[in-house]
Amino acid sequence: MAAYVLVTAITCNYLYGNIASKTFKIEYGEPPFRRQNQYSYRRAIGYVDALPPFGAVERGLWDVIAHVPPKAPILTSWLLNPVLATREISFSLHHSFGTPPPEERVDYVVIDKLPQIIMTSEADIIHFRGDPGWRVFYENDSGVIFERTTPRRF
């Protein structure tokens, strides 16, 4: 029974994107940015027969991600965190806690400029733009990277 439960849990986590899903939200998307799943059996079984087109927004996000220094401790917005979570130190904005706060333990903050999925990012961008301890390192229409200008406290 335990083996059945374990295999079922792992299979469901993999199928529903909780394991090995680093780029799911950017490549395959979430509504309203991507096409909804097509449905067959009583709208209970979802599938997509073709991947949606790769557009300017996605290219912009990957451009922002490519500009993040590879070994630096980072804090990311919710949408970008799965892609950058393989870093040695990668916190998620608003979902990371501790003392000192995550923004005091990182050198770069990476925030997307996409419309709201879970949390809006405009207030965070305004906050970091107004903080003298941070400066814009790189920015395009899809995201912005802030770099620390003062030494880390942690």
Protein backbone atom coordinates (compact mmCIF):
# COMPACT_ATOMS: atom_id res chain seq x y z
CA MET A 1 0.00 0.00 0.00
CA ALA A 2 2.83 2.41 0.88
CA ALA A 3 4.55 1.72 -2.45
CA TYR A 4 1.30 2.43 -4.30
CA VAL A 5 0.80 5.75 -2.48
CA LEU A 6 4.43 6.76 -3.11
CA VAL A 7 4.33 5.91 -6.82
CA THR A 8 0.98 7.70 -7.21
CA ALA A 9 2.24 10.83 -5.43
CA ILE A 10 5.42 11.03 -7.50
CA THR A 11 3.58 10.38 -10.76
CA CYS A 12 0.93 13.01 -10.01
CA ASN A 13 3.55 15.57 -8.99
CA TYR A 14 5.42 14.97 -12.24
CA LEU A 15 2.28 15.06 -14.41
CA TYR A 16 0.95 18.23 -12.82
CA GLY A 17 4.26 20.09 -13.05
CA ASN A 18 5.52 20.17 -9.47
CA ILE A 19 8.66 18.17 -10.29
CA ALA A 20 10.90 18.92 -13.27
CA SER A 21 8.80 21.96 -14.20
CA LYS A 22 11.43 24.72 -14.10
CA THR A 23 10.32 26.38 -17.33
CA PHE A 24 6.65 25.39 -17.53
CA LYS A 25 5.12 28.81 -16.86
CA ILE A 26 7.32 30.64 -19.34
CA GLU A 27 7.41 28.06 -22.13
CA TYR A 28 3.89 26.68 -21.94
CA GLY A 29 2.26 29.52 -20.06
CA GLU A 30 -0.68 30.16 -17.81
CA PRO A 31 -3.86 31.99 -18.68
CA PRO A 32 -4.37 34.71 -19.81
CA PHE A 33 -0.93 34.72 -21.50
CA ARG A 34 -1.31 31.40 -23.28
CA ARG A 35 -4.07 29.46 -24.92
CA GLN A 36 -6.22 27.46 -22.54
CA ASN A 37 -6.05 23.68 -22.54
CA GLN A 38 -8.28 21.95 -25.03
CA TYR A 39 -10.66 19.57 -23.35
CA SER A 40 -12.15 16.28 -24.43
CA TYR A 41 -14.00 14.13 -21.92
CA ARG A 42 -16.56 16.28 -20.06
CA ARG A 43 -13.92 18.97 -19.57
CA ALA A 44 -12.23 16.64 -17.09
CA ILE A 45 -9.22 15.57 -19.14
CA GLY A 46 -7.14 18.46 -20.42
CA TYR A 47 -4.65 18.33 -23.26
CA VAL A 48 -2.90 20.58 -25.77
CA ASP A 49 -2.23 19.22 -29.25
CA ALA A 50 0.34 21.90 -30.18
CA LEU A 51 2.54 24.28 -28.26
CA PRO A 52 1.60 27.95 -28.55
CA PRO A 53 3.93 30.28 -30.47
CA PHE A 54 7.06 31.62 -28.81
CA GLY A 55 6.68 35.41 -28.90
CA ALA A 56 8.37 38.67 -27.94
CA VAL A 57 7.38 38.42 -24.27
CA GLU A 58 9.03 35.04 -23.87
CA ARG A 59 12.16 36.17 -25.73
CA GLY A 60 12.31 39.21 -23.43
CA LEU A 61 12.01 37.04 -20.31
CA TRP A 62 14.77 34.70 -21.49
CA ASP A 63 16.90 37.76 -22.28
CA VAL A 64 16.45 39.02 -18.72
CA ILE A 65 17.28 35.57 -17.34
CA ALA A 66 20.41 35.41 -19.51
CA HIS A 67 21.67 38.67 -17.95
CA VAL A 68 21.47 37.39 -14.36
CA PRO A 69 25.04 36.79 -13.10
CA PRO A 70 25.50 33.01 -12.77
CA LYS A 71 26.88 32.63 -9.23
CA ALA A 72 25.25 35.58 -7.49
CA PRO A 73 22.66 35.19 -4.71
CA ILE A 74 19.32 36.32 -6.16
CA LEU A 75 15.77 37.23 -5.18
CA THR A 76 13.17 36.69 -7.90
CA SER A 77 9.53 37.41 -8.58
CA TRP A 78 7.15 34.48 -8.33
CA LEU A 79 6.96 33.79 -12.09
CA LEU A 80 10.74 33.72 -12.61
CA ASN A 81 11.67 31.74 -9.51
CA PRO A 82 11.13 28.25 -10.96
CA VAL A 83 13.52 28.98 -13.81
CA LEU A 84 16.21 30.43 -11.52
CA ALA A 85 15.68 28.07 -8.58
CA THR A 86 18.68 25.95 -9.56
CA ARG A 87 20.98 28.69 -8.28
CA GLU A 88 22.86 28.05 -5.07
CA ILE A 89 21.00 30.94 -3.40
CA SER A 90 17.64 31.82 -4.94
CA PHE A 91 14.81 33.32 -2.89
CA SER A 92 11.27 34.07 -4.04
CA LEU A 93 9.96 37.57 -3.43
CA HIS A 94 7.12 37.58 -0.85
CA HIS A 95 7.48 33.83 -0.24
CA SER A 96 10.85 33.80 1.53
CA PHE A 97 11.14 34.59 5.19
CA GLY A 98 13.92 34.80 7.72
CA THR A 99 16.19 37.11 9.59
CA PRO A 100 17.59 39.15 7.98
CA PRO A 101 14.97 39.53 5.23
CA PRO A 102 15.81 37.91 1.87
CA GLU A 103 16.51 41.23 0.14
CA GLU A 104 19.36 41.81 2.59
CA ARG A 105 20.93 38.42 1.73
CA VAL A 106 21.15 38.78 -2.05
CA ASP A 107 23.10 40.83 -4.59
CA TYR A 108 20.51 40.88 -7.39
CA VAL A 109 16.72 41.10 -7.59
CA VAL A 110 15.03 39.81 -10.77
CA ILE A 111 11.42 40.93 -11.35
CA ASP A 112 9.14 40.25 -14.32
CA LYS A 113 6.92 42.97 -15.81
CA LEU A 114 4.13 40.68 -16.90
CA PRO A 115 0.46 41.19 -16.04
CA GLN A 116 -0.64 39.69 -12.75
CA ILE A 117 -0.90 35.92 -12.42
CA ILE A 118 -0.61 35.52 -8.66
CA MET A 119 0.95 38.75 -7.44
CA THR A 120 1.58 42.06 -9.17
CA SER A 121 5.16 43.17 -9.61
CA GLU A 122 4.70 46.92 -10.16
CA ALA A 123 4.90 47.79 -6.46
CA ASP A 124 8.12 45.80 -6.07
CA ILE A 125 9.70 47.52 -9.08
CA ILE A 126 8.73 50.93 -7.67
CA HIS A 127 10.12 49.93 -4.26
CA PHE A 128 13.53 48.87 -5.61
CA ARG A 129 13.75 51.88 -7.97
CA GLY A 130 13.23 54.19 -4.98
CA ASP A 131 15.67 52.40 -2.67
CA PRO A 132 19.14 53.99 -2.82
CA GLY A 133 20.70 50.61 -1.96
CA TRP A 134 19.71 49.25 -5.38
CA ARG A 135 20.27 50.30 -9.01
CA VAL A 136 18.96 48.96 -12.32
CA PHE A 137 21.45 46.43 -13.68
CA TYR A 138 19.47 45.40 -16.77
CA GLU A 139 15.94 46.11 -18.01
CA ASN A 140 13.72 45.40 -21.00
CA ASP A 141 9.96 45.28 -21.63
CA SER A 142 9.57 41.90 -19.93
CA GLY A 143 11.62 42.32 -16.76
CA VAL A 144 14.18 44.20 -14.72
CA ILE A 145 17.28 43.20 -12.75
CA PHE A 146 18.35 45.30 -9.78
CA GLU A 147 21.90 45.20 -8.43
CA ARG A 148 22.88 45.97 -4.84
CA THR A 149 24.91 49.18 -4.46
CA THR A 150 25.65 48.76 -0.76
CA PRO A 151 27.44 45.82 0.93
CA ARG A 152 25.31 42.89 2.03
CA ARG A 153 24.56 42.66 5.74
CA PHE A 154 24.43 38.87 5.78
